[in-house]
Amino acid sequence: MSKKKLLFITDPYESLAPYREDTSLRMIEAALDLGHDCNLTSYLSLSQDMTTLSCLAYQCVPDHANRIEITEPKTLNLKSFDEIHYRLDPPVDAHYLAPLH
């Protein structure tokens, strides 16, 4: 299996961190174990200008104490990712659907 660059769009990390068993974090942990480059962003950090869709993303790294640690955020073009996983908590409403447009 080749290494992929993955982006997980979730609720803000601060809301996930207290719940270390959050499924998005467990998916990131599994992807890291497989050797993939994982990045995490909040749907709130997505932005678009005339030609580019970007986000403020944190690179995820394995951490034995916390299972996953995040680095300082960087602005990245969404086209730079091989896969994007959209993992917001419901309800499915306009707030949930807006980033998908």
PDB file of N, CA and C in Angstrom:
ATOM      1  N   MET A   1       0.842  -1.176   0.000  1.00  0.00           N
ATOM      2  CA  MET A   1       0.000   0.000   0.000  1.00  0.00           C
ATOM      3  C   MET A   1       0.887   1.239   0.000  1.00  0.00           C
ATOM      4  N   SER A   2       0.569   2.190  -0.872  1.00  0.00           N
ATOM      5  CA  SER A   2       1.365   3.406  -0.925  1.00  0.00           C
ATOM      6  C   SER A   2       0.871   4.414   0.118  1.00  0.00           C
ATOM      7  N   LYS A   3       1.783   5.252   0.545  1.00  0.00           N
ATOM      8  CA  LYS A   3       1.462   6.279   1.538  1.00  0.00           C
ATOM      9  C   LYS A   3       0.562   7.326   0.904  1.00  0.00           C
ATOM     10  N   LYS A   4      -0.513   7.689   1.606  1.00  0.00           N
ATOM     11  CA  LYS A   4      -1.438   8.704   1.123  1.00  0.00           C
ATOM     12  C   LYS A   4      -1.432   9.897   2.070  1.00  0.00           C
ATOM     13  N   LYS A   5      -1.754  11.049   1.507  1.00  0.00           N
ATOM     14  CA  LYS A   5      -1.909  12.265   2.302  1.00  0.00           C
ATOM     15  C   LYS A   5      -3.409  12.451   2.547  1.00  0.00           C
ATOM     16  N   LEU A   6      -3.817  12.313   3.819  1.00  0.00           N
ATOM     17  CA  LEU A   6      -5.223  12.329   4.186  1.00  0.00           C
ATOM     18  C   LEU A   6      -5.574  13.589   4.961  1.00  0.00           C
ATOM     19  N   LEU A   7      -6.778  14.091   4.729  1.00  0.00           N
ATOM     20  CA  LEU A   7      -7.309  15.212   5.492  1.00  0.00           C
ATOM     21  C   LEU A   7      -8.617  14.770   6.130  1.00  0.00           C
ATOM     22  N   PHE A   8      -8.741  15.010   7.426  1.00  0.00           N
ATOM     23  CA  PHE A   8      -9.976  14.738   8.148  1.00  0.00           C
ATOM     24  C   PHE A   8     -10.588  16.079   8.543  1.00  0.00           C
ATOM     25  N   ILE A   9     -11.773  16.365   7.998  1.00  0.00           N
ATOM     26  CA  ILE A   9     -12.506  17.579   8.346  1.00  0.00           C
ATOM     27  C   ILE A   9     -13.491  17.180   9.434  1.00  0.00           C
ATOM     28  N   THR A  10     -13.337  17.780  10.610  1.00  0.00           N
ATOM     29  CA  THR A  10     -14.142  17.401  11.766  1.00  0.00           C
ATOM     30  C   THR A  10     -14.690  18.638  12.465  1.00  0.00           C
ATOM     31  N   ASP A  11     -15.364  18.385  13.552  1.00  0.00           N
ATOM     32  CA  ASP A  11     -15.680  19.472  14.474  1.00  0.00           C
ATOM     33  C   ASP A  11     -14.345  19.982  15.009  1.00  0.00           C
ATOM     34  N   PRO A  12     -14.305  21.152  15.632  1.00  0.00           N
ATOM     35  CA  PRO A  12     -13.033  21.660  16.153  1.00  0.00           C
ATOM     36  C   PRO A  12     -12.324  20.643  17.053  1.00  0.00           C
ATOM     37  N   TYR A  13     -11.006  20.569  16.921  1.00  0.00           N
ATOM     38  CA  TYR A  13     -10.209  19.596  17.672  1.00  0.00           C
ATOM     39  C   TYR A  13     -10.464  19.683  19.168  1.00  0.00           C
ATOM     40  N   GLU A  14     -10.637  20.896  19.664  1.00  0.00           N
ATOM     41  CA  GLU A  14     -10.849  21.086  21.102  1.00  0.00           C
ATOM     42  C   GLU A  14     -12.087  20.333  21.581  1.00  0.00           C
ATOM     43  N   SER A  15     -13.081  20.195  20.711  1.00  0.00           N
ATOM     44  CA  SER A  15     -14.290  19.465  21.110  1.00  0.00           C
ATOM     45  C   SER A  15     -14.094  17.953  21.002  1.00  0.00           C
ATOM     46  N   LEU A  16     -13.093  17.524  20.231  1.00  0.00           N
ATOM     47  CA  LEU A  16     -12.806  16.091  20.110  1.00  0.00           C
ATOM     48  C   LEU A  16     -11.856  15.614  21.199  1.00  0.00           C
ATOM     49  N   ALA A  17     -10.901  16.462  21.559  1.00  0.00           N
ATOM     50  CA  ALA A  17      -9.826  16.062  22.467  1.00  0.00           C
ATOM     51  C   ALA A  17     -10.303  15.504  23.804  1.00  0.00           C
ATOM     52  N   PRO A  18     -11.331  16.075  24.446  1.00  0.00           N
ATOM     53  CA  PRO A  18     -11.737  15.505  25.729  1.00  0.00           C
ATOM     54  C   PRO A  18     -12.275  14.081  25.588  1.00  0.00           C
ATOM     55  N   TYR A  19     -12.709  13.742  24.415  1.00  0.00           N
ATOM     56  CA  TYR A  19     -13.281  12.416  24.166  1.00  0.00           C
ATOM     57  C   TYR A  19     -12.276  11.607  23.354  1.00  0.00           C
ATOM     58  N   ARG A  20     -11.234  11.164  23.990  1.00  0.00           N
ATOM     59  CA  ARG A  20     -10.116  10.517  23.284  1.00  0.00           C
ATOM     60  C   ARG A  20     -10.557   9.303  22.481  1.00  0.00           C
ATOM     61  N   GLU A  21     -11.761   8.820  22.689  1.00  0.00           N
ATOM     62  CA  GLU A  21     -12.258   7.685  21.927  1.00  0.00           C
ATOM     63  C   GLU A  21     -13.094   8.116  20.720  1.00  0.00           C
ATOM     64  N   ASP A  22     -13.102   9.376  20.391  1.00  0.00           N
ATOM     65  CA  ASP A  22     -13.848   9.867  19.240  1.00  0.00           C
ATOM     66  C   ASP A  22     -13.474   9.056  18.005  1.00  0.00           C
ATOM     67  N   THR A  23     -14.459   8.660  17.204  1.00  0.00           N
ATOM     68  CA  THR A  23     -14.188   7.796  16.050  1.00  0.00           C
ATOM     69  C   THR A  23     -13.277   8.448  15.024  1.00  0.00           C
ATOM     70  N   SER A  24     -13.377   9.763  14.849  1.00  0.00           N
ATOM     71  CA  SER A  24     -12.476  10.431  13.906  1.00  0.00           C
ATOM     72  C   SER A  24     -11.030  10.295  14.354  1.00  0.00           C
ATOM     73  N   LEU A  25     -10.790  10.482  15.647  1.00  0.00           N
ATOM     74  CA  LEU A  25      -9.428  10.331  16.164  1.00  0.00           C
ATOM     75  C   LEU A  25      -8.946   8.893  16.037  1.00  0.00           C
ATOM     76  N   ARG A  26      -9.826   7.942  16.223  1.00  0.00           N
ATOM     77  CA  ARG A  26      -9.430   6.528  16.081  1.00  0.00           C
ATOM     78  C   ARG A  26      -9.123   6.196  14.618  1.00  0.00           C
ATOM     79  N   MET A  27      -9.865   6.786  13.679  1.00  0.00           N
ATOM     80  CA  MET A  27      -9.564   6.574  12.261  1.00  0.00           C
ATOM     81  C   MET A  27      -8.204   7.173  11.908  1.00  0.00           C
ATOM     82  N   ILE A  28      -7.896   8.337  12.452  1.00  0.00           N
ATOM     83  CA  ILE A  28      -6.588   8.958  12.223  1.00  0.00           C
ATOM     84  C   ILE A  28      -5.492   8.075  12.795  1.00  0.00           C
ATOM     85  N   GLU A  29      -5.706   7.575  14.000  1.00  0.00           N
ATOM     86  CA  GLU A  29      -4.723   6.701  14.630  1.00  0.00           C
ATOM     87  C   GLU A  29      -4.467   5.456  13.770  1.00  0.00           C
ATOM     88  N   ALA A  30      -5.510   4.845  13.253  1.00  0.00           N
ATOM     89  CA  ALA A  30      -5.359   3.662  12.402  1.00  0.00           C
ATOM     90  C   ALA A  30      -4.621   4.011  11.108  1.00  0.00           C
ATOM     91  N   ALA A  31      -4.939   5.153  10.521  1.00  0.00           N
ATOM     92  CA  ALA A  31      -4.262   5.578   9.286  1.00  0.00           C
ATOM     93  C   ALA A  31      -2.782   5.852   9.544  1.00  0.00           C
ATOM     94  N   LEU A  32      -2.467   6.447  10.686  1.00  0.00           N
ATOM     95  CA  LEU A  32      -1.066   6.674  11.042  1.00  0.00           C
ATOM     96  C   LEU A  32      -0.333   5.348  11.198  1.00  0.00           C
ATOM     97  N   ASP A  33      -0.992   4.369  11.821  1.00  0.00           N
ATOM     98  CA  ASP A  33      -0.395   3.038  11.984  1.00  0.00           C
ATOM     99  C   ASP A  33      -0.089   2.385  10.634  1.00  0.00           C
ATOM    100  N   LEU A  34      -0.872   2.732   9.614  1.00  0.00           N
ATOM    101  CA  LEU A  34      -0.647   2.206   8.268  1.00  0.00           C
ATOM    102  C   LEU A  34       0.404   3.009   7.498  1.00  0.00           C
ATOM    103  N   GLY A  35       0.909   4.083   8.115  1.00  0.00           N
ATOM    104  CA  GLY A  35       1.968   4.869   7.494  1.00  0.00           C
ATOM    105  C   GLY A  35       1.509   6.059   6.681  1.00  0.00           C
ATOM    106  N   HIS A  36       0.239   6.400   6.759  1.00  0.00           N
ATOM    107  CA  HIS A  36      -0.273   7.543   5.998  1.00  0.00           C
ATOM    108  C   HIS A  36       0.062   8.863   6.688  1.00  0.00           C
ATOM    109  N   ASP A  37       0.113   9.921   5.901  1.00  0.00           N
ATOM    110  CA  ASP A  37       0.317  11.287   6.391  1.00  0.00           C
ATOM    111  C   ASP A  37      -1.069  11.849   6.680  1.00  0.00           C
ATOM    112  N   CYS A  38      -1.383  12.085   7.958  1.00  0.00           N
ATOM    113  CA  CYS A  38      -2.722  12.519   8.351  1.00  0.00           C
ATOM    114  C   CYS A  38      -2.727  13.967   8.815  1.00  0.00           C
ATOM    115  N   ASN A  39      -3.778  14.663   8.407  1.00  0.00           N
ATOM    116  CA  ASN A  39      -3.968  16.060   8.777  1.00  0.00           C
ATOM    117  C   ASN A  39      -5.403  16.240   9.250  1.00  0.00           C
ATOM    118  N   LEU A  40      -5.580  17.172  10.173  1.00  0.00           N
ATOM    119  CA  LEU A  40      -6.883  17.420  10.774  1.00  0.00           C
ATOM    120  C   LEU A  40      -7.217  18.896  10.636  1.00  0.00           C
ATOM    121  N   THR A  41      -8.461  19.179  10.254  1.00  0.00           N
ATOM    122  CA  THR A  41      -8.924  20.560  10.191  1.00  0.00           C
ATOM    123  C   THR A  41     -10.363  20.623  10.656  1.00  0.00           C
ATOM    124  N   SER A  42     -10.782  21.802  11.030  1.00  0.00           N
ATOM    125  CA  SER A  42     -12.176  22.035  11.391  1.00  0.00           C
ATOM    126  C   SER A  42     -12.904  22.579  10.168  1.00  0.00           C
ATOM    127  N   TYR A  43     -14.159  22.248  10.060  1.00  0.00           N
ATOM    128  CA  TYR A  43     -14.967  22.812   8.978  1.00  0.00           C
ATOM    129  C   TYR A  43     -14.977  24.348   9.052  1.00  0.00           C
ATOM    130  N   LEU A  44     -14.695  24.896  10.224  1.00  0.00           N
ATOM    131  CA  LEU A  44     -14.671  26.348  10.390  1.00  0.00           C
ATOM    132  C   LEU A  44     -13.466  27.007   9.717  1.00  0.00           C
ATOM    133  N   SER A  45     -12.430  26.224   9.406  1.00  0.00           N
ATOM    134  CA  SER A  45     -11.221  26.818   8.829  1.00  0.00           C
ATOM    135  C   SER A  45     -11.157  26.700   7.311  1.00  0.00           C
ATOM    136  N   LEU A  46     -12.190  26.168   6.689  1.00  0.00           N
ATOM    137  CA  LEU A  46     -12.208  26.078   5.229  1.00  0.00           C
ATOM    138  C   LEU A  46     -12.393  27.471   4.642  1.00  0.00           C
ATOM    139  N   SER A  47     -11.644  27.762   3.584  1.00  0.00           N
ATOM    140  CA  SER A  47     -11.781  29.067   2.934  1.00  0.00           C
ATOM    141  C   SER A  47     -11.572  28.922   1.437  1.00  0.00           C
ATOM    142  N   GLN A  48     -12.115  29.858   0.699  1.00  0.00           N
ATOM    143  CA  GLN A  48     -11.999  29.826  -0.751  1.00  0.00           C
ATOM    144  C   GLN A  48     -11.756  31.224  -1.266  1.00  0.00           C
ATOM    145  N   ASP A  49     -10.767  31.328  -2.176  1.00  0.00           N
ATOM    146  CA  ASP A  49     -10.613  32.574  -2.906  1.00  0.00           C
ATOM    147  C   ASP A  49     -11.025  32.289  -4.349  1.00  0.00           C
ATOM    148  N   MET A  50     -10.619  33.089  -5.283  1.00  0.00           N
ATOM    149  CA  MET A  50     -11.067  32.926  -6.672  1.00  0.00           C
ATOM    150  C   MET A  50     -10.643  31.589  -7.288  1.00  0.00           C
ATOM    151  N   THR A  51      -9.505  31.047  -6.863  1.00  0.00           N
ATOM    152  CA  THR A  51      -8.988  29.837  -7.519  1.00  0.00           C
ATOM    153  C   THR A  51      -8.657  28.684  -6.577  1.00  0.00           C
ATOM    154  N   THR A  52      -8.651  28.924  -5.267  1.00  0.00           N
ATOM    155  CA  THR A  52      -8.126  27.921  -4.351  1.00  0.00           C
ATOM    156  C   THR A  52      -9.053  27.674  -3.173  1.00  0.00           C
ATOM    157  N   LEU A  53      -9.268  26.411  -2.872  1.00  0.00           N
ATOM    158  CA  LEU A  53      -9.972  26.011  -1.659  1.00  0.00           C
ATOM    159  C   LEU A  53      -8.901  25.538  -0.689  1.00  0.00           C
ATOM    160  N   SER A  54      -8.832  26.152   0.474  1.00  0.00           N
ATOM    161  CA  SER A  54      -7.769  25.828   1.421  1.00  0.00           C
ATOM    162  C   SER A  54      -8.331  25.678   2.829  1.00  0.00           C
ATOM    163  N   CYS A  55      -7.447  25.262   3.729  1.00  0.00           N
ATOM    164  CA  CYS A  55      -7.832  25.104   5.131  1.00  0.00           C
ATOM    165  C   CYS A  55      -6.607  25.312   6.008  1.00  0.00           C
ATOM    166  N   LEU A  56      -6.854  25.561   7.261  1.00  0.00           N
ATOM    167  CA  LEU A  56      -5.815  25.632   8.267  1.00  0.00           C
ATOM    168  C   LEU A  56      -5.766  24.245   8.900  1.00  0.00           C
ATOM    169  N   ALA A  57      -4.735  23.461   8.578  1.00  0.00           N
ATOM    170  CA  ALA A  57      -4.683  22.055   8.982  1.00  0.00           C
ATOM    171  C   ALA A  57      -3.538  21.782   9.945  1.00  0.00           C
ATOM    172  N   TYR A  58      -3.785  20.842  10.838  1.00  0.00           N
ATOM    173  CA  TYR A  58      -2.791  20.368  11.792  1.00  0.00           C
ATOM    174  C   TYR A  58      -2.308  18.994  11.324  1.00  0.00           C
ATOM    175  N   GLN A  59      -1.019  18.808  11.251  1.00  0.00           N
ATOM    176  CA  GLN A  59      -0.511  17.473  10.954  1.00  0.00           C
ATOM    177  C   GLN A  59      -0.629  16.637  12.221  1.00  0.00           C
ATOM    178  N   CYS A  60      -1.053  15.402  12.070  1.00  0.00           N
ATOM    179  CA  CYS A  60      -1.216  14.483  13.201  1.00  0.00           C
ATOM    180  C   CYS A  60      -0.009  13.558  13.263  1.00  0.00           C
ATOM    181  N   VAL A  61       0.488  13.362  14.456  1.00  0.00           N
ATOM    182  CA  VAL A  61       1.619  12.453  14.669  1.00  0.00           C
ATOM    183  C   VAL A  61       1.277  11.522  15.825  1.00  0.00           C
ATOM    184  N   PRO A  62       1.806  10.289  15.775  1.00  0.00           N
ATOM    185  CA  PRO A  62       1.545   9.358  16.885  1.00  0.00           C
ATOM    186  C   PRO A  62       2.183   9.875  18.173  1.00  0.00           C
ATOM    187  N   ASP A  63       1.503   9.658  19.269  1.00  0.00           N
ATOM    188  CA  ASP A  63       2.002  10.041  20.584  1.00  0.00           C
ATOM    189  C   ASP A  63       1.592   8.940  21.552  1.00  0.00           C
ATOM    190  N   HIS A  64       2.549   8.308  22.193  1.00  0.00           N
ATOM    191  CA  HIS A  64       2.245   7.159  23.041  1.00  0.00           C
ATOM    192  C   HIS A  64       1.384   7.527  24.240  1.00  0.00           C
ATOM    193  N   ALA A  65       1.522   8.731  24.772  1.00  0.00           N
ATOM    194  CA  ALA A  65       0.740   9.128  25.943  1.00  0.00           C
ATOM    195  C   ALA A  65      -0.690   9.510  25.553  1.00  0.00           C
ATOM    196  N   ASN A  66      -0.834  10.290  24.476  1.00  0.00           N
ATOM    197  CA  ASN A  66      -2.152  10.779  24.076  1.00  0.00           C
ATOM    198  C   ASN A  66      -2.727  10.081  22.855  1.00  0.00           C
ATOM    199  N   ARG A  67      -1.982   9.165  22.272  1.00  0.00           N
ATOM    200  CA  ARG A  67      -2.339   8.418  21.065  1.00  0.00           C
ATOM    201  C   ARG A  67      -2.149   9.252  19.808  1.00  0.00           C
ATOM    202  N   ILE A  68      -2.575  10.521  19.821  1.00  0.00           N
ATOM    203  CA  ILE A  68      -2.381  11.414  18.675  1.00  0.00           C
ATOM    204  C   ILE A  68      -2.024  12.790  19.211  1.00  0.00           C
ATOM    205  N   GLU A  69      -1.035  13.397  18.580  1.00  0.00           N
ATOM    206  CA  GLU A  69      -0.665  14.772  18.911  1.00  0.00           C
ATOM    207  C   GLU A  69      -0.768  15.568  17.620  1.00  0.00           C
ATOM    208  N   ILE A  70      -1.079  16.867  17.724  1.00  0.00           N
ATOM    209  CA  ILE A  70      -1.157  17.706  16.529  1.00  0.00           C
ATOM    210  C   ILE A  70      -0.062  18.759  16.580  1.00  0.00           C
ATOM    211  N   THR A  71       0.384  19.172  15.385  1.00  0.00           N
ATOM    212  CA  THR A  71       1.438  20.175  15.262  1.00  0.00           C
ATOM    213  C   THR A  71       0.813  21.563  15.091  1.00  0.00           C
ATOM    214  N   GLU A  72       1.668  22.564  14.918  1.00  0.00           N
ATOM    215  CA  GLU A  72       1.185  23.913  14.621  1.00  0.00           C
ATOM    216  C   GLU A  72       0.458  23.885  13.279  1.00  0.00           C
ATOM    217  N   PRO A  73      -0.629  24.633  13.145  1.00  0.00           N
ATOM    218  CA  PRO A  73      -1.396  24.600  11.897  1.00  0.00           C
ATOM    219  C   PRO A  73      -0.675  25.288  10.742  1.00  0.00           C
ATOM    220  N   LYS A  74      -0.978  24.803   9.538  1.00  0.00           N
ATOM    221  CA  LYS A  74      -0.470  25.404   8.303  1.00  0.00           C
ATOM    222  C   LYS A  74      -1.626  25.542   7.329  1.00  0.00           C
ATOM    223  N   THR A  75      -1.576  26.564   6.500  1.00  0.00           N
ATOM    224  CA  THR A  75      -2.576  26.723   5.454  1.00  0.00           C
ATOM    225  C   THR A  75      -2.199  25.816   4.292  1.00  0.00           C
ATOM    226  N   LEU A  76      -3.130  24.936   3.901  1.00  0.00           N
ATOM    227  CA  LEU A  76      -2.877  23.962   2.843  1.00  0.00           C
ATOM    228  C   LEU A  76      -4.008  23.991   1.821  1.00  0.00           C
ATOM    229  N   ASN A  77      -3.649  23.766   0.573  1.00  0.00           N
ATOM    230  CA  ASN A  77      -4.594  23.653  -0.527  1.00  0.00           C
ATOM    231  C   ASN A  77      -5.258  22.284  -0.448  1.00  0.00           C
ATOM    232  N   LEU A  78      -6.574  22.226  -0.550  1.00  0.00           N
ATOM    233  CA  LEU A  78      -7.263  20.933  -0.468  1.00  0.00           C
ATOM    234  C   LEU A  78      -6.895  19.999  -1.621  1.00  0.00           C
ATOM    235  N   LYS A  79      -6.436  20.557  -2.736  1.00  0.00           N
ATOM    236  CA  LYS A  79      -6.017  19.706  -3.858  1.00  0.00           C
ATOM    237  C   LYS A  79      -4.754  18.909  -3.552  1.00  0.00           C
ATOM    238  N   SER A  80      -4.056  19.260  -2.479  1.00  0.00           N
ATOM    239  CA  SER A  80      -2.815  18.556  -2.143  1.00  0.00           C
ATOM    240  C   SER A  80      -3.069  17.217  -1.448  1.00  0.00           C
ATOM    241  N   PHE A  81      -4.330  16.911  -1.137  1.00  0.00           N
ATOM    242  CA  PHE A  81      -4.652  15.678  -0.421  1.00  0.00           C
ATOM    243  C   PHE A  81      -5.130  14.588  -1.372  1.00  0.00           C
ATOM    244  N   ASP A  82      -4.753  13.356  -1.050  1.00  0.00           N
ATOM    245  CA  ASP A  82      -5.221  12.198  -1.824  1.00  0.00           C
ATOM    246  C   ASP A  82      -6.654  11.831  -1.455  1.00  0.00           C
ATOM    247  N   GLU A  83      -6.992  11.976  -0.169  1.00  0.00           N
ATOM    248  CA  GLU A  83      -8.338  11.673   0.314  1.00  0.00           C
ATOM    249  C   GLU A  83      -8.750  12.713   1.341  1.00  0.00           C
ATOM    250  N   ILE A  84     -10.049  13.048   1.323  1.00  0.00           N
ATOM    251  CA  ILE A  84     -10.606  13.959   2.321  1.00  0.00           C
ATOM    252  C   ILE A  84     -11.791  13.245   2.970  1.00  0.00           C
ATOM    253  N   HIS A  85     -11.756  13.171   4.298  1.00  0.00           N
ATOM    254  CA  HIS A  85     -12.812  12.514   5.070  1.00  0.00           C
ATOM    255  C   HIS A  85     -13.576  13.581   5.846  1.00  0.00           C
ATOM    256  N   TYR A  86     -14.863  13.684   5.578  1.00  0.00           N
ATOM    257  CA  TYR A  86     -15.724  14.689   6.214  1.00  0.00           C
ATOM    258  C   TYR A  86     -16.457  14.016   7.363  1.00  0.00           C
ATOM    259  N   ARG A  87     -16.135  14.400   8.612  1.00  0.00           N
ATOM    260  CA  ARG A  87     -16.612  13.669   9.781  1.00  0.00           C
ATOM    261  C   ARG A  87     -17.207  14.585  10.837  1.00  0.00           C
ATOM    262  N   LEU A  88     -18.211  15.379  10.477  1.00  0.00           N
ATOM    263  CA  LEU A  88     -18.870  16.245  11.462  1.00  0.00           C
ATOM    264  C   LEU A  88     -19.937  15.467  12.208  1.00  0.00           C
ATOM    265  N   ASP A  89     -20.174  15.875  13.431  1.00  0.00           N
ATOM    266  CA  ASP A  89     -21.269  15.286  14.197  1.00  0.00           C
ATOM    267  C   ASP A  89     -22.593  15.855  13.705  1.00  0.00           C
ATOM    268  N   PRO A  90     -23.629  15.018  13.642  1.00  0.00           N
ATOM    269  CA  PRO A  90     -24.963  15.515  13.277  1.00  0.00           C
ATOM    270  C   PRO A  90     -25.456  16.529  14.307  1.00  0.00           C
ATOM    271  N   PRO A  91     -26.499  17.268  14.057  1.00  0.00           N
ATOM    272  CA  PRO A  91     -27.559  16.986  13.095  1.00  0.00           C
ATOM    273  C   PRO A  91     -27.170  17.397  11.680  1.00  0.00           C
ATOM    274  N   VAL A  92     -27.786  16.748  10.715  1.00  0.00           N
ATOM    275  CA  VAL A  92     -27.572  17.092   9.312  1.00  0.00           C
ATOM    276  C   VAL A  92     -28.529  18.243   8.993  1.00  0.00           C
ATOM    277  N   ASP A  93     -27.967  19.447   8.973  1.00  0.00           N
ATOM    278  CA  ASP A  93     -28.746  20.653   8.706  1.00  0.00           C
ATOM    279  C   ASP A  93     -27.903  21.565   7.823  1.00  0.00           C
ATOM    280  N   ALA A  94     -28.321  22.807   7.648  1.00  0.00           N
ATOM    281  CA  ALA A  94     -27.595  23.740   6.789  1.00  0.00           C
ATOM    282  C   ALA A  94     -26.178  23.950   7.281  1.00  0.00           C
ATOM    283  N   HIS A  95     -25.987  24.003   8.596  1.00  0.00           N
ATOM    284  CA  HIS A  95     -24.654  24.157   9.199  1.00  0.00           C
ATOM    285  C   HIS A  95     -23.749  22.982   8.818  1.00  0.00           C
ATOM    286  N   TYR A  96     -24.304  21.792   8.790  1.00  0.00           N
ATOM    287  CA  TYR A  96     -23.568  20.572   8.437  1.00  0.00           C
ATOM    288  C   TYR A  96     -23.262  20.534   6.934  1.00  0.00           C
ATOM    289  N   LEU A  97     -24.240  20.914   6.125  1.00  0.00           N
ATOM    290  CA  LEU A  97     -24.120  20.775   4.671  1.00  0.00           C
ATOM    291  C   LEU A  97     -23.311  21.879   3.994  1.00  0.00           C
ATOM    292  N   ALA A  98     -23.225  23.049   4.584  1.00  0.00           N
ATOM    293  CA  ALA A  98     -22.585  24.205   3.930  1.00  0.00           C
ATOM    294  C   ALA A  98     -21.186  23.913   3.411  1.00  0.00           C
ATOM    295  N   PRO A  99     -20.283  23.292   4.191  1.00  0.00           N
ATOM    296  CA  PRO A  99     -18.945  23.031   3.657  1.00  0.00           C
ATOM    297  C   PRO A  99     -18.904  22.054   2.479  1.00  0.00           C
ATOM    298  N   LEU A 100     -19.927  21.258   2.317  1.00  0.00           N
ATOM    299  CA  LEU A 100     -19.957  20.301   1.215  1.00  0.00           C
ATOM    300  C   LEU A 100     -20.217  20.965  -0.138  1.00  0.00           C
ATOM    301  N   HIS A 101     -20.766  22.168  -0.106  1.00  0.00           N
ATOM    302  CA  HIS A 101     -21.046  22.874  -1.354  1.00  0.00           C
ATOM    303  C   HIS A 101     -19.768  23.398  -1.938  1.00  0.00           C
TER     304      HIS A 101
END
